[in-house]
Amino acid sequence: MLSLRWRLALLFLAILLAALAVIYLYVVPQLESSLRAEKERALAAESRVYSRPIVRDVVFYADARHVRAVVRQAADRSGSRVTLLGVSRGTLGRQTYPIADSTTEKGVADLQFQVAQEAAQTGHTTTGSEPTNNGRIAEAAQPIRIGDRVTRVVVYSTSLADVQSTV
């Protein structure tokens, strides 16, 4: 038979483990979700601020070299990766394809840019995240219109590694 001291110690340990389980199962996921949403909102704000030169050049049909330079400049100013995607319409519906990217990495191929598809469909700024080979990234897609049609989408993306390491 266990002494009263041992029973109290085991009861205290059980209460402590239950408290830690509640924190891990309830608080941590909400914190991560909140931090991810905040990062996505910040990217959406950046996309509205830093996309103006890109929009101007796309609307006035600047040459490809100049557009790539403006995309890199937007990335430098925002501190995020910037990708300009074209929007085509065909038998498969609206599809996006890369035009310019601020990075020289070959990481565009492993990105689906689902937020760009959604922005092209809705015509509104869209945010989200997606997994990559290097961890999750947050994305914000800003549609660019010529007339009443969305012809391009600018996607701002950044790593969520700091969110995951914080939590």
Foldseek 3Di string as FASTA:
>chain_A
DDDPVVVVVVVVVVVVVVVVVCCVVPVLVVLLVVVLVVVQVLQQVLCVVLCVVLLVCVLVVPDLVVNQVSQLVSCVVSVWKKWKWFWDQDPVGIDIDTRYINDPDPQVVQDPPVQQVVCQVPVAKGWDWDAGPVGIKIKIKHFHDHPPHGTMIMITIDHCVVSVVVD
